[in-house]
Amino acid sequence: RRPPRSTQGVSSAASDVYKRQVLYMSYKLSSSHSLKAKRQAVTSLISRIRSKFNLSVTEYADLDIWQRITMIGCVASPDPNFPDQLLERIVSFITEIRPDLELIDCSMELISGV
C-alpha cells in the first residue's frame, strides 16, 4: 500500500499555471487505396510521433475514409509558447518523414477549467 501523497507546497491554483491544448491535424493520403493501407500508415505515423515528441496522440476522426488521416494530440506546459512550437515541429516532422501526405488542416484548442 502506498502512503498518501503530500500536498505540501502545492497550491490549488497550480493547475492554472499550465497551458493545456488539444492539437488537431488532418492530412490527405493520396497513395492509399484501402483502409488496410491507411491503417499501416497511421499506426506507423502515430508511433513515430509518440516516440519523438513524447506526445499523447491518436487517430481522431475519418476512421473509414481511406485517404484522410485526422489525428488529435494533447499537450500541457507551463510555457505558453510551447504548444504552438510543438505543433510546428510535429507538422515539420510529418512533412519530413512522409512527403506524400498533404496537410489539409491543423489547429489548436485551448482547454480551460479542467
N, C-alpha and C. Protein backbone atom coordinates (compact mmCIF):
# COMPACT_ATOMS: atom_id res chain seq x y z
N ARG A 1 0.84 -1.19 0.00
CA ARG A 1 0.00 0.00 0.00
C ARG A 1 0.88 1.24 0.00
N ARG A 2 0.52 2.19 -0.87
CA ARG A 2 1.32 3.41 -0.97
C ARG A 2 0.88 4.43 0.06
N PRO A 3 1.85 5.19 0.58
CA PRO A 3 1.49 6.27 1.51
C PRO A 3 0.75 7.38 0.75
N PRO A 4 -0.09 8.12 1.47
CA PRO A 4 -0.81 9.22 0.80
C PRO A 4 0.17 10.26 0.27
N ARG A 5 -0.21 10.87 -0.85
CA ARG A 5 0.63 11.91 -1.43
C ARG A 5 0.64 13.15 -0.56
N SER A 6 1.79 13.78 -0.52
CA SER A 6 1.90 15.03 0.21
C SER A 6 1.42 16.17 -0.66
N THR A 7 0.60 17.02 -0.10
CA THR A 7 0.11 18.19 -0.84
C THR A 7 0.82 19.44 -0.36
N GLN A 8 1.84 19.25 0.45
CA GLN A 8 2.58 20.39 0.97
C GLN A 8 3.30 21.11 -0.17
N GLY A 9 3.13 22.41 -0.24
CA GLY A 9 3.80 23.20 -1.25
C GLY A 9 3.08 23.25 -2.60
N VAL A 10 1.95 22.56 -2.72
CA VAL A 10 1.19 22.56 -3.97
C VAL A 10 -0.07 23.37 -3.75
N SER A 11 -0.19 24.46 -4.47
CA SER A 11 -1.38 25.29 -4.31
C SER A 11 -2.51 24.77 -5.19
N SER A 12 -3.73 25.13 -4.87
CA SER A 12 -4.87 24.71 -5.68
C SER A 12 -4.85 25.39 -7.03
N ALA A 13 -4.12 26.47 -7.16
CA ALA A 13 -4.04 27.19 -8.43
C ALA A 13 -2.91 26.67 -9.31
N ALA A 14 -2.22 25.60 -8.88
CA ALA A 14 -1.10 25.07 -9.65
C ALA A 14 -1.52 24.63 -11.03
N SER A 15 -2.72 24.07 -11.16
CA SER A 15 -3.16 23.61 -12.48
C SER A 15 -3.43 24.78 -13.42
N ASP A 16 -3.65 25.97 -12.89
CA ASP A 16 -3.89 27.14 -13.72
C ASP A 16 -2.61 27.65 -14.38
N VAL A 17 -1.47 27.21 -13.87
CA VAL A 17 -0.20 27.64 -14.42
C VAL A 17 0.05 26.98 -15.77
N TYR A 18 -0.45 25.77 -15.95
CA TYR A 18 -0.22 25.01 -17.18
C TYR A 18 -1.20 25.40 -18.27
N LYS A 19 -0.67 25.57 -19.45
CA LYS A 19 -1.49 25.82 -20.63
C LYS A 19 -1.77 24.45 -21.25
N ARG A 20 -3.05 24.08 -21.32
CA ARG A 20 -3.44 22.79 -21.86
C ARG A 20 -4.12 23.01 -23.21
N GLN A 21 -3.61 22.33 -24.23
CA GLN A 21 -4.18 22.49 -25.55
C GLN A 21 -4.33 21.15 -26.25
N VAL A 22 -5.34 21.10 -27.11
CA VAL A 22 -5.57 19.95 -27.97
C VAL A 22 -5.12 20.35 -29.37
N LEU A 23 -4.32 19.50 -29.98
CA LEU A 23 -3.81 19.74 -31.32
C LEU A 23 -4.59 18.86 -32.31
N TYR A 24 -5.09 19.45 -33.36
CA TYR A 24 -5.80 18.73 -34.42
C TYR A 24 -4.99 18.81 -35.69
N MET A 25 -4.81 17.68 -36.38
CA MET A 25 -4.06 17.65 -37.63
C MET A 25 -4.79 16.75 -38.62
N SER A 26 -5.02 17.25 -39.82
CA SER A 26 -5.66 16.46 -40.88
C SER A 26 -4.76 16.44 -42.10
N TYR A 27 -4.62 15.25 -42.68
CA TYR A 27 -3.78 15.05 -43.85
C TYR A 27 -4.52 14.25 -44.90
N LYS A 28 -4.17 14.50 -46.15
CA LYS A 28 -4.67 13.70 -47.26
C LYS A 28 -3.59 12.69 -47.62
N LEU A 29 -3.99 11.42 -47.71
CA LEU A 29 -3.08 10.33 -48.03
C LEU A 29 -3.46 9.80 -49.41
N SER A 30 -2.97 10.45 -50.45
CA SER A 30 -3.34 10.11 -51.83
C SER A 30 -2.89 8.72 -52.24
N SER A 31 -1.81 8.25 -51.68
CA SER A 31 -1.26 6.96 -52.08
C SER A 31 -2.04 5.77 -51.54
N SER A 32 -2.97 6.00 -50.63
CA SER A 32 -3.74 4.91 -50.04
C SER A 32 -4.94 4.55 -50.92
N HIS A 33 -5.11 3.23 -51.12
CA HIS A 33 -6.25 2.75 -51.91
C HIS A 33 -7.09 1.75 -51.12
N SER A 34 -6.85 1.67 -49.81
CA SER A 34 -7.64 0.78 -48.97
C SER A 34 -7.51 1.21 -47.51
N LEU A 35 -8.43 0.74 -46.70
CA LEU A 35 -8.35 1.03 -45.27
C LEU A 35 -7.15 0.34 -44.63
N LYS A 36 -6.78 -0.82 -45.16
CA LYS A 36 -5.61 -1.53 -44.63
C LYS A 36 -4.34 -0.71 -44.84
N ALA A 37 -4.18 -0.12 -46.02
CA ALA A 37 -3.01 0.71 -46.29
C ALA A 37 -3.02 1.95 -45.40
N LYS A 38 -4.20 2.52 -45.19
CA LYS A 38 -4.31 3.69 -44.30
C LYS A 38 -3.92 3.31 -42.88
N ARG A 39 -4.42 2.16 -42.40
CA ARG A 39 -4.13 1.71 -41.04
C ARG A 39 -2.63 1.58 -40.82
N GLN A 40 -1.94 1.00 -41.80
CA GLN A 40 -0.49 0.82 -41.68
C GLN A 40 0.21 2.18 -41.59
N ALA A 41 -0.22 3.12 -42.43
CA ALA A 41 0.38 4.46 -42.42
C ALA A 41 0.12 5.18 -41.10
N VAL A 42 -1.12 5.10 -40.62
CA VAL A 42 -1.50 5.78 -39.38
C VAL A 42 -0.76 5.18 -38.18
N THR A 43 -0.71 3.86 -38.11
CA THR A 43 -0.04 3.19 -37.00
C THR A 43 1.43 3.59 -36.93
N SER A 44 2.09 3.58 -38.08
CA SER A 44 3.50 3.97 -38.13
C SER A 44 3.70 5.44 -37.76
N LEU A 45 2.86 6.30 -38.30
CA LEU A 45 2.97 7.73 -38.04
C LEU A 45 2.77 8.06 -36.57
N ILE A 46 1.72 7.51 -35.98
CA ILE A 46 1.44 7.76 -34.56
C ILE A 46 2.57 7.25 -33.68
N SER A 47 3.07 6.08 -33.99
CA SER A 47 4.18 5.51 -33.22
C SER A 47 5.41 6.42 -33.27
N ARG A 48 5.73 6.94 -34.44
CA ARG A 48 6.91 7.79 -34.59
C ARG A 48 6.72 9.14 -33.88
N ILE A 49 5.51 9.69 -33.94
CA ILE A 49 5.23 10.95 -33.25
C ILE A 49 5.34 10.76 -31.74
N ARG A 50 4.76 9.66 -31.24
CA ARG A 50 4.82 9.39 -29.80
C ARG A 50 6.25 9.23 -29.32
N SER A 51 7.06 8.51 -30.09
CA SER A 51 8.44 8.28 -29.63
C SER A 51 9.31 9.52 -29.76
N LYS A 52 9.10 10.32 -30.78
CA LYS A 52 9.95 11.51 -30.97
C LYS A 52 9.57 12.65 -30.04
N PHE A 53 8.25 12.87 -29.83
CA PHE A 53 7.80 14.04 -29.08
C PHE A 53 7.20 13.72 -27.71
N ASN A 54 7.10 12.44 -27.36
CA ASN A 54 6.50 12.04 -26.10
C ASN A 54 5.12 12.70 -25.94
N LEU A 55 4.32 12.60 -26.98
CA LEU A 55 3.02 13.24 -27.04
C LEU A 55 1.92 12.19 -27.07
N SER A 56 0.87 12.44 -26.34
CA SER A 56 -0.30 11.58 -26.41
C SER A 56 -1.06 11.94 -27.69
N VAL A 57 -1.08 11.02 -28.64
CA VAL A 57 -1.71 11.29 -29.94
C VAL A 57 -2.45 10.05 -30.42
N THR A 58 -3.56 10.25 -31.11
CA THR A 58 -4.33 9.14 -31.65
C THR A 58 -5.09 9.59 -32.89
N GLU A 59 -5.55 8.62 -33.65
CA GLU A 59 -6.41 8.94 -34.79
C GLU A 59 -7.76 9.34 -34.23
N TYR A 60 -8.34 10.39 -34.75
CA TYR A 60 -9.49 11.01 -34.11
C TYR A 60 -10.79 10.86 -34.90
N ALA A 61 -10.77 11.09 -36.16
CA ALA A 61 -11.99 11.07 -36.97
C ALA A 61 -11.66 10.51 -38.34
N ASP A 62 -12.65 10.45 -39.19
CA ASP A 62 -12.47 9.96 -40.56
C ASP A 62 -11.89 8.55 -40.57
N LEU A 63 -12.33 7.72 -39.64
CA LEU A 63 -11.77 6.39 -39.49
C LEU A 63 -12.05 5.50 -40.69
N ASP A 64 -13.15 5.73 -41.39
CA ASP A 64 -13.48 4.88 -42.54
C ASP A 64 -13.26 5.58 -43.88
N ILE A 65 -12.58 6.71 -43.88
CA ILE A 65 -12.20 7.39 -45.12
C ILE A 65 -10.73 7.06 -45.36
N TRP A 66 -10.45 6.27 -46.39
CA TRP A 66 -9.12 5.71 -46.54
C TRP A 66 -8.08 6.65 -47.13
N GLN A 67 -8.45 7.85 -47.51
CA GLN A 67 -7.45 8.80 -47.99
C GLN A 67 -7.33 10.03 -47.09
N ARG A 68 -7.83 9.93 -45.88
CA ARG A 68 -7.75 11.07 -44.95
C ARG A 68 -7.34 10.58 -43.58
N ILE A 69 -6.35 11.25 -43.01
CA ILE A 69 -5.86 10.94 -41.66
C ILE A 69 -6.13 12.17 -40.79
N THR A 70 -6.88 11.98 -39.73
CA THR A 70 -7.13 13.06 -38.78
C THR A 70 -6.66 12.58 -37.41
N MET A 71 -5.73 13.32 -36.84
CA MET A 71 -5.16 12.96 -35.55
C MET A 71 -5.41 14.06 -34.53
N ILE A 72 -5.39 13.66 -33.28
CA ILE A 72 -5.56 14.59 -32.18
C ILE A 72 -4.48 14.29 -31.14
N GLY A 73 -3.93 15.33 -30.56
CA GLY A 73 -2.93 15.18 -29.53
C GLY A 73 -3.21 16.16 -28.40
N CYS A 74 -2.67 15.88 -27.25
CA CYS A 74 -2.89 16.76 -26.11
C CYS A 74 -1.55 17.10 -25.48
N VAL A 75 -1.41 18.38 -25.13
CA VAL A 75 -0.15 18.85 -24.54
C VAL A 75 -0.47 19.82 -23.40
N ALA A 76 0.33 19.74 -22.35
CA ALA A 76 0.22 20.67 -21.22
C ALA A 76 1.62 21.18 -20.91
N SER A 77 1.71 22.48 -20.72
CA SER A 77 3.03 23.06 -20.48
C SER A 77 2.90 24.36 -19.70
N PRO A 78 3.85 24.64 -18.82
CA PRO A 78 3.84 25.93 -18.14
C PRO A 78 4.27 27.06 -19.07
N ASP A 79 4.96 26.72 -20.16
CA ASP A 79 5.39 27.71 -21.15
C ASP A 79 4.25 27.95 -22.14
N PRO A 80 3.68 29.15 -22.19
CA PRO A 80 2.53 29.39 -23.06
C PRO A 80 2.85 29.28 -24.55
N ASN A 81 4.11 29.36 -24.93
CA ASN A 81 4.50 29.25 -26.34
C ASN A 81 4.79 27.82 -26.78
N PHE A 82 4.97 26.92 -25.81
CA PHE A 82 5.37 25.56 -26.14
C PHE A 82 4.39 24.82 -27.04
N PRO A 83 3.07 24.84 -26.77
CA PRO A 83 2.15 24.11 -27.65
C PRO A 83 2.22 24.57 -29.11
N ASP A 84 2.34 25.87 -29.34
CA ASP A 84 2.44 26.39 -30.70
C ASP A 84 3.73 25.88 -31.37
N GLN A 85 4.82 25.94 -30.64
CA GLN A 85 6.10 25.48 -31.16
C GLN A 85 6.07 23.97 -31.43
N LEU A 86 5.43 23.24 -30.53
CA LEU A 86 5.35 21.79 -30.69
C LEU A 86 4.55 21.43 -31.93
N LEU A 87 3.42 22.09 -32.15
CA LEU A 87 2.62 21.81 -33.34
C LEU A 87 3.43 22.07 -34.61
N GLU A 88 4.16 23.16 -34.64
CA GLU A 88 5.01 23.46 -35.80
C GLU A 88 6.07 22.38 -36.02
N ARG A 89 6.67 21.92 -34.93
CA ARG A 89 7.69 20.88 -35.02
C ARG A 89 7.10 19.56 -35.50
N ILE A 90 5.90 19.23 -35.03
CA ILE A 90 5.25 17.99 -35.44
C ILE A 90 4.90 18.03 -36.93
N VAL A 91 4.33 19.13 -37.38
CA VAL A 91 3.97 19.28 -38.80
C VAL A 91 5.23 19.18 -39.66
N SER A 92 6.31 19.82 -39.25
CA SER A 92 7.57 19.73 -39.99
C SER A 92 8.10 18.30 -40.02
N PHE A 93 8.01 17.62 -38.88
CA PHE A 93 8.47 16.24 -38.77
C PHE A 93 7.67 15.34 -39.71
N ILE A 94 6.35 15.48 -39.71
CA ILE A 94 5.50 14.66 -40.57
C ILE A 94 5.82 14.92 -42.05
N THR A 95 6.01 16.19 -42.40
CA THR A 95 6.35 16.56 -43.77
C THR A 95 7.69 15.93 -44.18
N GLU A 96 8.61 15.87 -43.24
CA GLU A 96 9.93 15.32 -43.49
C GLU A 96 9.88 13.81 -43.70
N ILE A 97 9.16 13.09 -42.84
CA ILE A 97 9.15 11.62 -42.92
C ILE A 97 8.13 11.08 -43.89
N ARG A 98 7.06 11.85 -44.16
CA ARG A 98 6.01 11.41 -45.08
C ARG A 98 5.68 12.52 -46.08
N PRO A 99 6.55 12.76 -47.06
CA PRO A 99 6.29 13.83 -48.03
C PRO A 99 5.06 13.57 -48.90
N ASP A 100 4.56 12.33 -48.90
CA ASP A 100 3.36 12.01 -49.67
C ASP A 100 2.08 12.50 -48.99
N LEU A 101 2.16 12.91 -47.73
CA LEU A 101 0.98 13.43 -47.03
C LEU A 101 0.81 14.91 -47.31
N GLU A 102 -0.41 15.29 -47.61
CA GLU A 102 -0.74 16.69 -47.88
C GLU A 102 -1.51 17.26 -46.68
N LEU A 103 -0.96 18.29 -46.07
CA LEU A 103 -1.61 18.91 -44.91
C LEU A 103 -2.91 19.58 -45.34
N ILE A 104 -4.01 19.19 -44.73
CA ILE A 104 -5.31 19.78 -45.03
C ILE A 104 -5.63 20.86 -44.00
N ASP A 105 -5.40 20.53 -42.73
CA ASP A 105 -5.74 21.47 -41.67
C ASP A 105 -4.94 21.13 -40.42
N CYS A 106 -4.56 22.15 -39.67
CA CYS A 106 -4.01 21.95 -38.33
C CYS A 106 -4.47 23.12 -37.48
N SER A 107 -4.88 22.81 -36.28
CA SER A 107 -5.38 23.85 -35.39
C SER A 107 -5.18 23.40 -33.95
N MET A 108 -5.40 24.35 -33.05
CA MET A 108 -5.29 24.08 -31.62
C MET A 108 -6.51 24.63 -30.90
N GLU A 109 -6.84 23.97 -29.80
CA GLU A 109 -7.95 24.41 -28.98
C GLU A 109 -7.47 24.44 -27.54
N LEU A 110 -7.67 25.56 -26.90
CA LEU A 110 -7.29 25.73 -25.50
C LEU A 110 -8.30 25.03 -24.61
N ILE A 111 -7.81 24.25 -23.65
CA ILE A 111 -8.68 23.58 -22.68
C ILE A 111 -8.59 24.38 -21.39
N SER A 112 -9.71 24.80 -20.87
CA SER A 112 -9.69 25.55 -19.63
C SER A 112 -10.67 24.94 -18.64
N GLY A 113 -10.43 25.20 -17.38
CA GLY A 113 -11.35 24.77 -16.32
C GLY A 113 -11.34 23.29 -16.05
N VAL A 114 -10.23 22.61 -16.31
CA VAL A 114 -10.14 21.18 -16.09
C VAL A 114 -9.80 20.93 -14.65
